[in-house]
Amino acid sequence: MQKTFTIVSYLLFLFPLMFIVNFLFDIVTLEKIQGLPIFFPLVFCAIGLFFALKAHKIQKDVLTLGAIILNSVLLMFPFVYMILGTFLFGV
């Protein structure tokens, strides 16, 4: 069960990360979702963080700790992106 929680946690980290990288570097043009990839981590990483914490509670492991850290960092990304955009560009 712990492995399932860890795998789901990493998948919920990678899904919004792929959209953010695509949004920033415009690899594949997705005009219909415009700025939505910036806000994907608020939903997906919060759920991924929950699964990572459950897996860490079951068995303390380096993989679960890594999932907690990665999901936490990506969860803060939208806030950092908006704050730095305001400071640097004054929009």
Protein backbone atom coordinates (compact mmCIF):
# COMPACT_ATOMS: atom_id res chain seq x y z
CA MET A 1 0.00 0.00 0.00
CA GLN A 2 2.89 2.34 0.77
CA LYS A 3 4.32 1.87 -2.74
CA THR A 4 0.97 2.73 -4.28
CA PHE A 5 0.73 5.94 -2.28
CA THR A 6 4.30 6.86 -3.24
CA ILE A 7 3.75 6.19 -6.94
CA VAL A 8 0.51 8.18 -6.97
CA SER A 9 2.26 11.00 -5.15
CA TYR A 10 5.05 11.16 -7.75
CA LEU A 11 2.54 11.00 -10.61
CA LEU A 12 0.57 13.86 -9.08
CA PHE A 13 3.86 15.79 -8.98
CA LEU A 14 4.86 15.02 -12.58
CA PHE A 15 1.51 15.84 -14.19
CA PRO A 16 1.45 19.57 -13.31
CA LEU A 17 5.24 19.80 -13.77
CA MET A 18 4.90 18.74 -17.42
CA PHE A 19 2.22 21.37 -18.02
CA ILE A 20 4.29 24.09 -16.31
CA VAL A 21 7.39 23.28 -18.37
CA ASN A 22 5.26 23.30 -21.51
CA PHE A 23 3.70 26.63 -20.49
CA LEU A 24 7.04 28.31 -19.79
CA PHE A 25 8.92 27.02 -22.85
CA ASP A 26 5.96 26.67 -25.27
CA ILE A 27 6.91 23.18 -26.46
CA VAL A 28 3.38 22.30 -27.59
CA THR A 29 0.96 25.17 -28.07
CA LEU A 30 -2.10 24.75 -25.87
CA GLU A 31 -4.12 27.90 -26.47
CA LYS A 32 -7.33 26.73 -24.84
CA ILE A 33 -5.92 26.34 -21.32
CA GLN A 34 -3.80 29.53 -21.39
CA GLY A 35 -2.61 30.21 -17.81
CA LEU A 36 -4.26 27.25 -16.14
CA PRO A 37 -1.04 25.16 -15.85
CA ILE A 38 0.26 27.65 -13.29
CA PHE A 39 -2.65 26.78 -10.99
CA PHE A 40 -2.61 22.98 -11.52
CA PRO A 41 -0.19 22.44 -8.58
CA LEU A 42 -2.71 23.92 -6.15
CA VAL A 43 -4.98 20.94 -6.73
CA PHE A 44 -2.73 18.11 -7.81
CA CYS A 45 0.20 18.70 -5.46
CA ALA A 46 -2.08 19.15 -2.47
CA ILE A 47 -3.53 15.70 -3.15
CA GLY A 48 -0.03 14.33 -3.88
CA LEU A 49 1.23 15.77 -0.60
CA PHE A 50 -1.60 14.01 1.22
CA PHE A 51 -0.65 10.67 -0.36
CA ALA A 52 3.05 11.24 0.37
CA LEU A 53 2.31 11.98 4.02
CA LYS A 54 0.16 8.84 4.27
CA ALA A 55 2.98 6.76 2.74
CA HIS A 56 5.52 8.35 5.08
CA LYS A 57 3.29 7.56 8.05
CA ILE A 58 3.13 3.89 7.01
CA GLN A 59 6.88 3.52 6.38
CA LYS A 60 9.54 6.17 6.70
CA ASP A 61 11.54 5.99 3.48
CA VAL A 62 13.74 8.24 1.37
CA LEU A 63 11.32 8.03 -1.56
CA THR A 64 8.39 9.21 0.55
CA LEU A 65 10.45 12.03 1.99
CA GLY A 66 11.42 13.05 -1.54
CA ALA A 67 7.77 13.01 -2.59
CA ILE A 68 6.86 15.24 0.35
CA ILE A 69 9.58 17.74 -0.52
CA LEU A 70 8.84 17.79 -4.26
CA ASN A 71 5.10 18.20 -3.82
CA SER A 72 5.62 20.92 -1.22
CA VAL A 73 7.96 22.89 -3.47
CA LEU A 74 5.68 22.61 -6.48
CA LEU A 75 2.68 23.54 -4.32
CA MET A 76 4.37 26.88 -3.58
CA PHE A 77 5.18 27.52 -7.26
CA PRO A 78 2.02 29.51 -8.19
CA PHE A 79 2.54 31.89 -5.27
CA VAL A 80 6.22 32.41 -6.04
CA TYR A 81 5.46 32.85 -9.75
CA MET A 82 2.86 35.55 -9.07
CA ILE A 83 4.91 37.37 -6.45
CA LEU A 84 8.11 37.42 -8.54
CA GLY A 85 6.12 38.49 -11.60
CA THR A 86 4.72 41.41 -9.63
CA PHE A 87 8.10 42.42 -8.22
CA LEU A 88 10.02 42.11 -11.48
CA PHE A 89 7.48 43.36 -14.00
CA GLY A 90 5.19 45.47 -11.81
CA VAL A 91 2.04 44.11 -13.38
